[in-house]
PDB file of N, CA and C in Angstrom:
ATOM      1  N   MET A   1      -4.672  13.996 -30.500  1.00  0.00           N
ATOM      2  CA  MET A   1      -5.546  12.991 -31.078  1.00  0.00           C
ATOM      3  C   MET A   1      -6.866  12.959 -30.329  1.00  0.00           C
ATOM      4  N   ALA A   2      -7.940  12.833 -31.048  1.00  0.00           N
ATOM      5  CA  ALA A   2      -9.263  12.858 -30.445  1.00  0.00           C
ATOM      6  C   ALA A   2      -9.552  11.606 -29.627  1.00  0.00           C
ATOM      7  N   ASP A   3      -8.963  10.473 -29.995  1.00  0.00           N
ATOM      8  CA  ASP A   3      -9.267   9.249 -29.264  1.00  0.00           C
ATOM      9  C   ASP A   3      -8.297   8.976 -28.115  1.00  0.00           C
ATOM     10  N   GLU A   4      -7.366   9.857 -27.873  1.00  0.00           N
ATOM     11  CA  GLU A   4      -6.437   9.692 -26.760  1.00  0.00           C
ATOM     12  C   GLU A   4      -7.105  10.144 -25.462  1.00  0.00           C
ATOM     13  N   ALA A   5      -6.897   9.411 -24.399  1.00  0.00           N
ATOM     14  CA  ALA A   5      -7.440   9.775 -23.093  1.00  0.00           C
ATOM     15  C   ALA A   5      -6.335  10.410 -22.266  1.00  0.00           C
ATOM     16  N   VAL A   6      -6.693  11.409 -21.526  1.00  0.00           N
ATOM     17  CA  VAL A   6      -5.741  12.069 -20.639  1.00  0.00           C
ATOM     18  C   VAL A   6      -6.183  11.790 -19.217  1.00  0.00           C
ATOM     19  N   GLY A   7      -5.255  11.321 -18.381  1.00  0.00           N
ATOM     20  CA  GLY A   7      -5.574  10.992 -17.002  1.00  0.00           C
ATOM     21  C   GLY A   7      -5.868  12.223 -16.173  1.00  0.00           C
ATOM     22  N   PRO A   8      -6.381  12.022 -14.955  1.00  0.00           N
ATOM     23  CA  PRO A   8      -6.754  13.139 -14.096  1.00  0.00           C
ATOM     24  C   PRO A   8      -5.587  14.045 -13.732  1.00  0.00           C
ATOM     25  N   ALA A   9      -4.388  13.516 -13.732  1.00  0.00           N
ATOM     26  CA  ALA A   9      -3.229  14.345 -13.390  1.00  0.00           C
ATOM     27  C   ALA A   9      -2.641  15.000 -14.635  1.00  0.00           C
ATOM     28  N   GLY A  10      -3.312  14.833 -15.771  1.00  0.00           N
ATOM     29  CA  GLY A  10      -2.826  15.424 -17.001  1.00  0.00           C
ATOM     30  C   GLY A  10      -1.839  14.550 -17.745  1.00  0.00           C
ATOM     31  N   ASP A  11      -1.570  13.352 -17.240  1.00  0.00           N
ATOM     32  CA  ASP A  11      -0.628  12.480 -17.932  1.00  0.00           C
ATOM     33  C   ASP A  11      -1.308  11.896 -19.163  1.00  0.00           C
ATOM     34  N   ASP A  12      -0.594  11.856 -20.245  1.00  0.00           N
ATOM     35  CA  ASP A  12      -1.157  11.396 -21.509  1.00  0.00           C
ATOM     36  C   ASP A  12      -0.680   9.977 -21.780  1.00  0.00           C
ATOM     37  N   CYS A  13      -1.324   9.016 -21.138  1.00  0.00           N
ATOM     38  CA  CYS A  13      -0.945   7.613 -21.315  1.00  0.00           C
ATOM     39  C   CYS A  13      -1.742   6.954 -22.424  1.00  0.00           C
ATOM     40  N   GLY A  14      -2.685   7.636 -22.981  1.00  0.00           N
ATOM     41  CA  GLY A  14      -3.553   7.006 -23.958  1.00  0.00           C
ATOM     42  C   GLY A  14      -4.659   6.244 -23.255  1.00  0.00           C
ATOM     43  N   ARG A  15      -5.320   5.387 -23.973  1.00  0.00           N
ATOM     44  CA  ARG A  15      -6.439   4.639 -23.390  1.00  0.00           C
ATOM     45  C   ARG A  15      -5.965   3.621 -22.350  1.00  0.00           C
ATOM     46  N   TYR A  16      -4.761   3.124 -22.501  1.00  0.00           N
ATOM     47  CA  TYR A  16      -4.211   2.169 -21.542  1.00  0.00           C
ATOM     48  C   TYR A  16      -2.904   2.732 -21.020  1.00  0.00           C
ATOM     49  N   CYS A  17      -2.794   2.826 -19.716  1.00  0.00           N
ATOM     50  CA  CYS A  17      -1.590   3.385 -19.107  1.00  0.00           C
ATOM     51  C   CYS A  17      -0.897   2.283 -18.300  1.00  0.00           C
ATOM     52  N   PRO A  18       0.214   1.755 -18.766  1.00  0.00           N
ATOM     53  CA  PRO A  18       0.897   0.668 -18.064  1.00  0.00           C
ATOM     54  C   PRO A  18       1.290   1.020 -16.630  1.00  0.00           C
ATOM     55  N   SER A  19       1.743   2.235 -16.388  1.00  0.00           N
ATOM     56  CA  SER A  19       2.158   2.589 -15.025  1.00  0.00           C
ATOM     57  C   SER A  19       0.958   2.631 -14.086  1.00  0.00           C
ATOM     58  N   PHE A  20      -0.192   3.108 -14.572  1.00  0.00           N
ATOM     59  CA  PHE A  20      -1.408   3.099 -13.758  1.00  0.00           C
ATOM     60  C   PHE A  20      -1.818   1.660 -13.466  1.00  0.00           C
ATOM     61  N   HIS A  21      -1.816   0.819 -14.488  1.00  0.00           N
ATOM     62  CA  HIS A  21      -2.193  -0.582 -14.327  1.00  0.00           C
ATOM     63  C   HIS A  21      -1.291  -1.273 -13.305  1.00  0.00           C
ATOM     64  N   GLN A  22       0.013  -1.067 -13.421  1.00  0.00           N
ATOM     65  CA  GLN A  22       0.963  -1.687 -12.500  1.00  0.00           C
ATOM     66  C   GLN A  22       0.692  -1.241 -11.063  1.00  0.00           C
ATOM     67  N   THR A  23       0.400   0.039 -10.878  1.00  0.00           N
ATOM     68  CA  THR A  23       0.140   0.566  -9.538  1.00  0.00           C
ATOM     69  C   THR A  23      -1.144  -0.007  -8.957  1.00  0.00           C
ATOM     70  N   VAL A  24      -2.198  -0.063  -9.762  1.00  0.00           N
ATOM     71  CA  VAL A  24      -3.466  -0.627  -9.295  1.00  0.00           C
ATOM     72  C   VAL A  24      -3.288  -2.099  -8.940  1.00  0.00           C
ATOM     73  N   GLU A  25      -2.538  -2.829  -9.748  1.00  0.00           N
ATOM     74  CA  GLU A  25      -2.278  -4.241  -9.453  1.00  0.00           C
ATOM     75  C   GLU A  25      -1.513  -4.394  -8.136  1.00  0.00           C
ATOM     76  N   LEU A  26      -0.525  -3.551  -7.910  1.00  0.00           N
ATOM     77  CA  LEU A  26       0.260  -3.618  -6.676  1.00  0.00           C
ATOM     78  C   LEU A  26      -0.609  -3.317  -5.460  1.00  0.00           C
ATOM     79  N   LEU A  27      -1.371  -2.234  -5.514  1.00  0.00           N
ATOM     80  CA  LEU A  27      -2.219  -1.863  -4.379  1.00  0.00           C
ATOM     81  C   LEU A  27      -3.359  -2.847  -4.179  1.00  0.00           C
ATOM     82  N   GLY A  28      -3.834  -3.441  -5.277  1.00  0.00           N
ATOM     83  CA  GLY A  28      -4.954  -4.356  -5.197  1.00  0.00           C
ATOM     84  C   GLY A  28      -4.581  -5.782  -4.849  1.00  0.00           C
ATOM     85  N   ARG A  29      -3.292  -6.087  -4.876  1.00  0.00           N
ATOM     86  CA  ARG A  29      -2.865  -7.443  -4.516  1.00  0.00           C
ATOM     87  C   ARG A  29      -3.266  -7.702  -3.072  1.00  0.00           C
ATOM     88  N   ARG A  30      -3.778  -8.878  -2.825  1.00  0.00           N
ATOM     89  CA  ARG A  30      -4.341  -9.207  -1.515  1.00  0.00           C
ATOM     90  C   ARG A  30      -3.417  -8.782  -0.376  1.00  0.00           C
ATOM     91  N   TRP A  31      -3.952  -8.012   0.526  1.00  0.00           N
ATOM     92  CA  TRP A  31      -3.341  -7.519   1.756  1.00  0.00           C
ATOM     93  C   TRP A  31      -2.442  -6.296   1.581  1.00  0.00           C
ATOM     94  N   ASN A  32      -1.956  -5.981   0.394  1.00  0.00           N
ATOM     95  CA  ASN A  32      -1.023  -4.862   0.247  1.00  0.00           C
ATOM     96  C   ASN A  32      -1.622  -3.537   0.700  1.00  0.00           C
ATOM     97  N   GLY A  33      -2.850  -3.251   0.292  1.00  0.00           N
ATOM     98  CA  GLY A  33      -3.484  -1.993   0.678  1.00  0.00           C
ATOM     99  C   GLY A  33      -3.647  -1.857   2.180  1.00  0.00           C
ATOM    100  N   VAL A  34      -4.088  -2.928   2.838  1.00  0.00           N
ATOM    101  CA  VAL A  34      -4.289  -2.840   4.288  1.00  0.00           C
ATOM    102  C   VAL A  34      -2.957  -2.807   5.037  1.00  0.00           C
ATOM    103  N   ILE A  35      -1.934  -3.431   4.490  1.00  0.00           N
ATOM    104  CA  ILE A  35      -0.603  -3.335   5.106  1.00  0.00           C
ATOM    105  C   ILE A  35      -0.100  -1.901   5.024  1.00  0.00           C
ATOM    106  N   LEU A  36      -0.243  -1.279   3.865  1.00  0.00           N
ATOM    107  CA  LEU A  36       0.156   0.127   3.730  1.00  0.00           C
ATOM    108  C   LEU A  36      -0.657   1.012   4.667  1.00  0.00           C
ATOM    109  N   HIS A  37      -1.948   0.730   4.784  1.00  0.00           N
ATOM    110  CA  HIS A  37      -2.809   1.500   5.691  1.00  0.00           C
ATOM    111  C   HIS A  37      -2.315   1.365   7.132  1.00  0.00           C
ATOM    112  N   ALA A  38      -1.943   0.159   7.535  1.00  0.00           N
ATOM    113  CA  ALA A  38      -1.422  -0.068   8.891  1.00  0.00           C
ATOM    114  C   ALA A  38      -0.117   0.691   9.108  1.00  0.00           C
ATOM    115  N   LEU A  39       0.765   0.676   8.107  1.00  0.00           N
ATOM    116  CA  LEU A  39       2.029   1.405   8.221  1.00  0.00           C
ATOM    117  C   LEU A  39       1.783   2.910   8.313  1.00  0.00           C
ATOM    118  N   MET A  40       0.792   3.397   7.599  1.00  0.00           N
ATOM    119  CA  MET A  40       0.470   4.825   7.659  1.00  0.00           C
ATOM    120  C   MET A  40      -0.124   5.208   9.007  1.00  0.00           C
ATOM    121  N   ALA A  41      -0.703   4.216   9.698  1.00  0.00           N
ATOM    122  CA  ALA A  41      -1.242   4.441  11.044  1.00  0.00           C
ATOM    123  C   ALA A  41      -0.173   4.195  12.108  1.00  0.00           C
ATOM    124  N   HIS A  42       1.084   4.100  11.682  1.00  0.00           N
ATOM    125  CA  HIS A  42       2.260   4.018  12.549  1.00  0.00           C
ATOM    126  C   HIS A  42       2.533   2.649  13.152  1.00  0.00           C
ATOM    127  N   ALA A  43       1.964   1.585  12.594  1.00  0.00           N
ATOM    128  CA  ALA A  43       2.410   0.250  12.976  1.00  0.00           C
ATOM    129  C   ALA A  43       3.770   0.071  12.303  1.00  0.00           C
ATOM    130  N   GLU A  44       4.775  -0.345  13.068  1.00  0.00           N
ATOM    131  CA  GLU A  44       6.125  -0.450  12.509  1.00  0.00           C
ATOM    132  C   GLU A  44       6.724  -1.844  12.600  1.00  0.00           C
ATOM    133  N   ARG A  45       6.337  -2.592  13.576  1.00  0.00           N
ATOM    134  CA  ARG A  45       6.923  -3.913  13.766  1.00  0.00           C
ATOM    135  C   ARG A  45       5.987  -4.980  13.194  1.00  0.00           C
ATOM    136  N   PHE A  46       6.569  -6.100  12.840  1.00  0.00           N
ATOM    137  CA  PHE A  46       5.808  -7.207  12.263  1.00  0.00           C
ATOM    138  C   PHE A  46       4.593  -7.521  13.134  1.00  0.00           C
ATOM    139  N   SER A  47       4.806  -7.655  14.439  1.00  0.00           N
ATOM    140  CA  SER A  47       3.712  -8.022  15.349  1.00  0.00           C
ATOM    141  C   SER A  47       2.634  -6.940  15.416  1.00  0.00           C
ATOM    142  N   GLU A  48       3.026  -5.675  15.295  1.00  0.00           N
ATOM    143  CA  GLU A  48       2.046  -4.581  15.310  1.00  0.00           C
ATOM    144  C   GLU A  48       1.189  -4.606  14.051  1.00  0.00           C
ATOM    145  N   ILE A  49       1.819  -4.864  12.930  1.00  0.00           N
ATOM    146  CA  ILE A  49       1.083  -4.929  11.665  1.00  0.00           C
ATOM    147  C   ILE A  49       0.120  -6.112  11.698  1.00  0.00           C
ATOM    148  N   ARG A  50       0.625  -7.263  12.112  1.00  0.00           N
ATOM    149  CA  ARG A  50      -0.207  -8.473  12.185  1.00  0.00           C
ATOM    150  C   ARG A  50      -1.386  -8.268  13.130  1.00  0.00           C
ATOM    151  N   ALA A  51      -1.179  -7.565  14.240  1.00  0.00           N
ATOM    152  CA  ALA A  51      -2.236  -7.367  15.236  1.00  0.00           C
ATOM    153  C   ALA A  51      -3.411  -6.548  14.712  1.00  0.00           C
ATOM    154  N   VAL A  52      -3.169  -5.665  13.760  1.00  0.00           N
ATOM    155  CA  VAL A  52      -4.263  -4.818  13.262  1.00  0.00           C
ATOM    156  C   VAL A  52      -4.904  -5.362  11.986  1.00  0.00           C
ATOM    157  N   ILE A  53      -4.417  -6.508  11.497  1.00  0.00           N
ATOM    158  CA  ILE A  53      -4.978  -7.091  10.271  1.00  0.00           C
ATOM    159  C   ILE A  53      -5.396  -8.533  10.558  1.00  0.00           C
ATOM    160  N   PRO A  54      -6.636  -8.741  10.982  1.00  0.00           N
ATOM    161  CA  PRO A  54      -7.083 -10.104  11.278  1.00  0.00           C
ATOM    162  C   PRO A  54      -7.111 -10.975  10.019  1.00  0.00           C
ATOM    163  N   GLY A  55      -6.728 -12.230  10.189  1.00  0.00           N
ATOM    164  CA  GLY A  55      -6.792 -13.180   9.088  1.00  0.00           C
ATOM    165  C   GLY A  55      -5.559 -13.242   8.209  1.00  0.00           C
ATOM    166  N   LEU A  56      -4.580 -12.408   8.468  1.00  0.00           N
ATOM    167  CA  LEU A  56      -3.352 -12.391   7.668  1.00  0.00           C
ATOM    168  C   LEU A  56      -2.317 -13.303   8.325  1.00  0.00           C
ATOM    169  N   SER A  57      -1.866 -14.318   7.583  1.00  0.00           N
ATOM    170  CA  SER A  57      -0.888 -15.257   8.140  1.00  0.00           C
ATOM    171  C   SER A  57       0.500 -14.621   8.197  1.00  0.00           C
ATOM    172  N   ASP A  58       1.328 -15.127   9.082  1.00  0.00           N
ATOM    173  CA  ASP A  58       2.706 -14.642   9.196  1.00  0.00           C
ATOM    174  C   ASP A  58       3.457 -14.809   7.875  1.00  0.00           C
ATOM    175  N   ARG A  59       3.278 -15.954   7.227  1.00  0.00           N
ATOM    176  CA  ARG A  59       3.972 -16.227   5.971  1.00  0.00           C
ATOM    177  C   ARG A  59       3.595 -15.212   4.902  1.00  0.00           C
ATOM    178  N   LEU A  60       2.309 -14.947   4.774  1.00  0.00           N
ATOM    179  CA  LEU A  60       1.866 -14.015   3.743  1.00  0.00           C
ATOM    180  C   LEU A  60       2.254 -12.580   4.090  1.00  0.00           C
ATOM    181  N   LEU A  61       2.208 -12.216   5.368  1.00  0.00           N
ATOM    182  CA  LEU A  61       2.643 -10.879   5.767  1.00  0.00           C
ATOM    183  C   LEU A  61       4.116 -10.686   5.417  1.00  0.00           C
ATOM    184  N   ALA A  62       4.943 -11.668   5.728  1.00  0.00           N
ATOM    185  CA  ALA A  62       6.374 -11.570   5.408  1.00  0.00           C
ATOM    186  C   ALA A  62       6.583 -11.434   3.900  1.00  0.00           C
ATOM    187  N   GLU A  63       5.835 -12.208   3.125  1.00  0.00           N
ATOM    188  CA  GLU A  63       5.945 -12.154   1.665  1.00  0.00           C
ATOM    189  C   GLU A  63       5.548 -10.771   1.140  1.00  0.00           C
ATOM    190  N   ARG A  64       4.442 -10.241   1.642  1.00  0.00           N
ATOM    191  CA  ARG A  64       3.970  -8.928   1.178  1.00  0.00           C
ATOM    192  C   ARG A  64       4.917  -7.806   1.609  1.00  0.00           C
ATOM    193  N   LEU A  65       5.463  -7.886   2.810  1.00  0.00           N
ATOM    194  CA  LEU A  65       6.421  -6.867   3.255  1.00  0.00           C
ATOM    195  C   LEU A  65       7.654  -6.872   2.358  1.00  0.00           C
ATOM    196  N   ARG A  66       8.135  -8.063   1.993  1.00  0.00           N
ATOM    197  CA  ARG A  66       9.276  -8.152   1.070  1.00  0.00           C
ATOM    198  C   ARG A  66       8.927  -7.536  -0.285  1.00  0.00           C
ATOM    199  N   GLU A  67       7.731  -7.806  -0.769  1.00  0.00           N
ATOM    200  CA  GLU A  67       7.301  -7.254  -2.054  1.00  0.00           C
ATOM    201  C   GLU A  67       7.233  -5.726  -1.997  1.00  0.00           C
ATOM    202  N   LEU A  68       6.633  -5.182  -0.946  1.00  0.00           N
ATOM    203  CA  LEU A  68       6.523  -3.725  -0.815  1.00  0.00           C
ATOM    204  C   LEU A  68       7.903  -3.087  -0.656  1.00  0.00           C
ATOM    205  N   GLU A  69       8.816  -3.810  -0.015  1.00  0.00           N
ATOM    206  CA  GLU A  69      10.192  -3.314   0.096  1.00  0.00           C
ATOM    207  C   GLU A  69      10.870  -3.318  -1.280  1.00  0.00           C
ATOM    208  N   ARG A  70      10.705  -4.397  -2.035  1.00  0.00           N
ATOM    209  CA  ARG A  70      11.274  -4.468  -3.392  1.00  0.00           C
ATOM    210  C   ARG A  70      10.741  -3.349  -4.286  1.00  0.00           C
ATOM    211  N   GLU A  71       9.484  -2.990  -4.098  1.00  0.00           N
ATOM    212  CA  GLU A  71       8.859  -1.931  -4.899  1.00  0.00           C
ATOM    213  C   GLU A  71       9.269  -0.537  -4.428  1.00  0.00           C
ATOM    214  N   GLY A  72      10.020  -0.479  -3.323  1.00  0.00           N
ATOM    215  CA  GLY A  72      10.505   0.808  -2.828  1.00  0.00           C
ATOM    216  C   GLY A  72       9.501   1.586  -2.002  1.00  0.00           C
ATOM    217  N   LEU A  73       8.439   0.917  -1.522  1.00  0.00           N
ATOM    218  CA  LEU A  73       7.414   1.606  -0.739  1.00  0.00           C
ATOM    219  C   LEU A  73       7.714   1.615   0.754  1.00  0.00           C
ATOM    220  N   LEU A  74       8.552   0.699   1.190  1.00  0.00           N
ATOM    221  CA  LEU A  74       8.942   0.681   2.599  1.00  0.00           C
ATOM    222  C   LEU A  74      10.386   0.233   2.713  1.00  0.00           C
ATOM    223  N   SER A  75      10.956   0.530   3.860  1.00  0.00           N
ATOM    224  CA  SER A  75      12.303   0.035   4.135  1.00  0.00           C
ATOM    225  C   SER A  75      12.259  -0.740   5.443  1.00  0.00           C
ATOM    226  N   ARG A  76      13.096  -1.747   5.509  1.00  0.00           N
ATOM    227  CA  ARG A  76      13.199  -2.591   6.701  1.00  0.00           C
ATOM    228  C   ARG A  76      14.484  -2.194   7.397  1.00  0.00           C
ATOM    229  N   THR A  77      14.363  -1.783   8.641  1.00  0.00           N
ATOM    230  CA  THR A  77      15.550  -1.394   9.398  1.00  0.00           C
ATOM    231  C   THR A  77      15.663  -2.265  10.639  1.00  0.00           C
ATOM    232  N   CYS A  78      16.886  -2.534  11.022  1.00  0.00           N
ATOM    233  CA  CYS A  78      17.164  -3.329  12.217  1.00  0.00           C
ATOM    234  C   CYS A  78      18.050  -2.507  13.144  1.00  0.00           C
ATOM    235  N   PRO A  79      17.453  -1.609  13.933  1.00  0.00           N
ATOM    236  CA  PRO A  79      18.261  -0.791  14.841  1.00  0.00           C
ATOM    237  C   PRO A  79      19.007  -1.666  15.850  1.00  0.00           C
ATOM    238  N   ILE A  80      20.238  -1.325  16.112  1.00  0.00           N
ATOM    239  CA  ILE A  80      21.063  -2.086  17.053  1.00  0.00           C
ATOM    240  C   ILE A  80      20.432  -2.022  18.441  1.00  0.00           C
ATOM    241  N   GLY A  81      20.246  -3.195  19.036  1.00  0.00           N
ATOM    242  CA  GLY A  81      19.701  -3.284  20.381  1.00  0.00           C
ATOM    243  C   GLY A  81      18.214  -3.016  20.480  1.00  0.00           C
ATOM    244  N   ALA A  82      17.532  -2.864  19.355  1.00  0.00           N
ATOM    245  CA  ALA A  82      16.103  -2.542  19.399  1.00  0.00           C
ATOM    246  C   ALA A  82      15.217  -3.765  19.195  1.00  0.00           C
ATOM    247  N   GLY A  83      15.808  -4.937  19.066  1.00  0.00           N
ATOM    248  CA  GLY A  83      15.003  -6.138  18.897  1.00  0.00           C
ATOM    249  C   GLY A  83      14.532  -6.332  17.476  1.00  0.00           C
ATOM    250  N   ALA A  84      13.230  -6.494  17.324  1.00  0.00           N
ATOM    251  CA  ALA A  84      12.632  -6.814  16.025  1.00  0.00           C
ATOM    252  C   ALA A  84      12.838  -5.696  15.010  1.00  0.00           C
ATOM    253  N   PRO A  85      12.929  -6.074  13.733  1.00  0.00           N
ATOM    254  CA  PRO A  85      13.066  -5.063  12.678  1.00  0.00           C
ATOM    255  C   PRO A  85      11.854  -4.137  12.630  1.00  0.00           C
ATOM    256  N   ARG A  86      12.084  -2.953  12.114  1.00  0.00           N
ATOM    257  CA  ARG A  86      11.008  -1.972  11.921  1.00  0.00           C
ATOM    258  C   ARG A  86      10.781  -1.820  10.423  1.00  0.00           C
ATOM    259  N   TYR A  87       9.536  -1.595  10.067  1.00  0.00           N
ATOM    260  CA  TYR A  87       9.153  -1.345   8.680  1.00  0.00           C
ATOM    261  C   TYR A  87       8.652   0.086   8.605  1.00  0.00           C
ATOM    262  N   VAL A  88       9.312   0.884   7.785  1.00  0.00           N
ATOM    263  CA  VAL A  88       9.008   2.310   7.699  1.00  0.00           C
ATOM    264  C   VAL A  88       8.740   2.669   6.243  1.00  0.00           C
ATOM    265  N   LEU A  89       7.692   3.445   6.018  1.00  0.00           N
ATOM    266  CA  LEU A  89       7.385   3.880   4.659  1.00  0.00           C
ATOM    267  C   LEU A  89       8.478   4.796   4.137  1.00  0.00           C
ATOM    268  N   THR A  90       8.824   4.618   2.891  1.00  0.00           N
ATOM    269  CA  THR A  90       9.757   5.518   2.216  1.00  0.00           C
ATOM    270  C   THR A  90       8.966   6.731   1.717  1.00  0.00           C
ATOM    271  N   ALA A  91       9.652   7.688   1.135  1.00  0.00           N
ATOM    272  CA  ALA A  91       8.962   8.844   0.549  1.00  0.00           C
ATOM    273  C   ALA A  91       7.969   8.367  -0.516  1.00  0.00           C
ATOM    274  N   LYS A  92       8.368   7.376  -1.290  1.00  0.00           N
ATOM    275  CA  LYS A  92       7.488   6.810  -2.319  1.00  0.00           C
ATOM    276  C   LYS A  92       6.241   6.201  -1.681  1.00  0.00           C
ATOM    277  N   GLY A  93       6.412   5.497  -0.580  1.00  0.00           N
ATOM    278  CA  GLY A  93       5.278   4.901   0.127  1.00  0.00           C
ATOM    279  C   GLY A  93       4.389   5.950   0.773  1.00  0.00           C
ATOM    280  N   ARG A  94       5.010   6.954   1.398  1.00  0.00           N
ATOM    281  CA  ARG A  94       4.229   8.030   2.033  1.00  0.00           C
ATOM    282  C   ARG A  94       3.428   8.815   1.004  1.00  0.00           C
ATOM    283  N   ALA A  95       3.943   8.903  -0.215  1.00  0.00           N
ATOM    284  CA  ALA A  95       3.229   9.626  -1.276  1.00  0.00           C
ATOM    285  C   ALA A  95       1.892   8.964  -1.610  1.00  0.00           C
ATOM    286  N   LEU A  96       1.729   7.702  -1.249  1.00  0.00           N
ATOM    287  CA  LEU A  96       0.457   7.013  -1.464  1.00  0.00           C
ATOM    288  C   LEU A  96      -0.564   7.336  -0.378  1.00  0.00           C
ATOM    289  N   GLY A  97      -0.178   8.092   0.634  1.00  0.00           N
ATOM    290  CA  GLY A  97      -1.087   8.434   1.730  1.00  0.00           C
ATOM    291  C   GLY A  97      -2.435   8.965   1.274  1.00  0.00           C
ATOM    292  N   PRO A  98      -2.463   9.990   0.419  1.00  0.00           N
ATOM    293  CA  PRO A  98      -3.759  10.509  -0.038  1.00  0.00           C
ATOM    294  C   PRO A  98      -4.585   9.468  -0.805  1.00  0.00           C
ATOM    295  N   VAL A  99      -3.907   8.579  -1.516  1.00  0.00           N
ATOM    296  CA  VAL A  99      -4.607   7.527  -2.263  1.00  0.00           C
ATOM    297  C   VAL A  99      -5.254   6.549  -1.289  1.00  0.00           C
ATOM    298  N   ILE A 100      -4.487   6.090  -0.312  1.00  0.00           N
ATOM    299  CA  ILE A 100      -5.004   5.148   0.685  1.00  0.00           C
ATOM    300  C   ILE A 100      -6.124   5.804   1.485  1.00  0.00           C
ATOM    301  N   ASP A 101      -5.954   7.073   1.862  1.00  0.00           N
ATOM    302  CA  ASP A 101      -7.010   7.800   2.581  1.00  0.00           C
ATOM    303  C   ASP A 101      -8.279   7.898   1.747  1.00  0.00           C
ATOM    304  N   ALA A 102      -8.127   8.176   0.453  1.00  0.00           N
ATOM    305  CA  ALA A 102      -9.294   8.281  -0.431  1.00  0.00           C
ATOM    306  C   ALA A 102     -10.010   6.933  -0.546  1.00  0.00           C
ATOM    307  N   ILE A 103      -9.255   5.853  -0.642  1.00  0.00           N
ATOM    308  CA  ILE A 103      -9.865   4.521  -0.708  1.00  0.00           C
ATOM    309  C   ILE A 103     -10.588   4.218   0.600  1.00  0.00           C
ATOM    310  N   ALA A 104      -9.975   4.560   1.738  1.00  0.00           N
ATOM    311  CA  ALA A 104     -10.610   4.330   3.038  1.00  0.00           C
ATOM    312  C   ALA A 104     -11.907   5.129   3.157  1.00  0.00           C
ATOM    313  N   SER A 105     -11.905   6.369   2.702  1.00  0.00           N
ATOM    314  CA  SER A 105     -13.119   7.199   2.741  1.00  0.00           C
ATOM    315  C   SER A 105     -14.202   6.614   1.844  1.00  0.00           C
ATOM    316  N   TRP A 106     -13.807   6.209   0.651  1.00  0.00           N
ATOM    317  CA  TRP A 106     -14.766   5.605  -0.267  1.00  0.00           C
ATOM    318  C   TRP A 106     -15.353   4.339   0.349  1.00  0.00           C
ATOM    319  N   ALA A 107     -14.501   3.492   0.930  1.00  0.00           N
ATOM    320  CA  ALA A 107     -14.953   2.235   1.531  1.00  0.00           C
ATOM    321  C   ALA A 107     -15.923   2.492   2.679  1.00  0.00           C
ATOM    322  N   ALA A 108     -15.636   3.515   3.495  1.00  0.00           N
ATOM    323  CA  ALA A 108     -16.516   3.835   4.617  1.00  0.00           C
ATOM    324  C   ALA A 108     -17.910   4.226   4.129  1.00  0.00           C
ATOM    325  N   GLU A 109     -17.964   4.866   2.980  1.00  0.00           N
ATOM    326  CA  GLU A 109     -19.256   5.311   2.461  1.00  0.00           C
ATOM    327  C   GLU A 109     -19.958   4.267   1.597  1.00  0.00           C
ATOM    328  N   TRP A 110     -19.210   3.516   0.810  1.00  0.00           N
ATOM    329  CA  TRP A 110     -19.827   2.693  -0.215  1.00  0.00           C
ATOM    330  C   TRP A 110     -19.660   1.185  -0.059  1.00  0.00           C
ATOM    331  N   SER A 111     -18.723   0.731   0.728  1.00  0.00           N
ATOM    332  CA  SER A 111     -18.445  -0.702   0.802  1.00  0.00           C
ATOM    333  C   SER A 111     -19.529  -1.447   1.564  1.00  0.00           C
ATOM    334  N   ARG A 112     -19.901  -2.596   1.046  1.00  0.00           N
ATOM    335  CA  ARG A 112     -20.884  -3.441   1.734  1.00  0.00           C
ATOM    336  C   ARG A 112     -20.322  -3.997   3.036  1.00  0.00           C
ATOM    337  N   ALA A 113     -18.995  -4.151   3.122  1.00  0.00           N
ATOM    338  CA  ALA A 113     -18.367  -4.666   4.344  1.00  0.00           C
ATOM    339  C   ALA A 113     -18.616  -3.730   5.513  1.00  0.00           C
ATOM    340  N   ALA A 114     -18.847  -2.439   5.233  1.00  0.00           N
ATOM    341  CA  ALA A 114     -19.101  -1.468   6.294  1.00  0.00           C
ATOM    342  C   ALA A 114     -20.520  -1.585   6.832  1.00  0.00           C
ATOM    343  N   ASP A 115     -21.406  -2.281   6.096  1.00  0.00           N
ATOM    344  CA  ASP A 115     -22.814  -2.426   6.527  1.00  0.00           C
ATOM    345  C   ASP A 115     -22.954  -3.355   7.703  1.00  0.00           C
TER     346      ASP A 115
END
């Protein structure tokens, strides 16, 4: 069809792609992108994640970590004798690495916050 749009990966979702929309909404939800960025930079414990994201409350961090876990992007593990739980990206979460890196590169070049 001439009016059908094909995405950059060749997926034929038409003009509106629900899976793309859902993903953009998830990544764009307040704090989710920066939490994933922190996890990709090897922050694993709640306190480590909180330390690299100024302005994020404990309550909201806990809520977002639960959401990202429900979405299958990270897993929460409690190693015996290791104290606080660890948050580790799953294969699904790690697959977002190039996306998060691309957003970080774009932000470094174009974002007004970088000025």
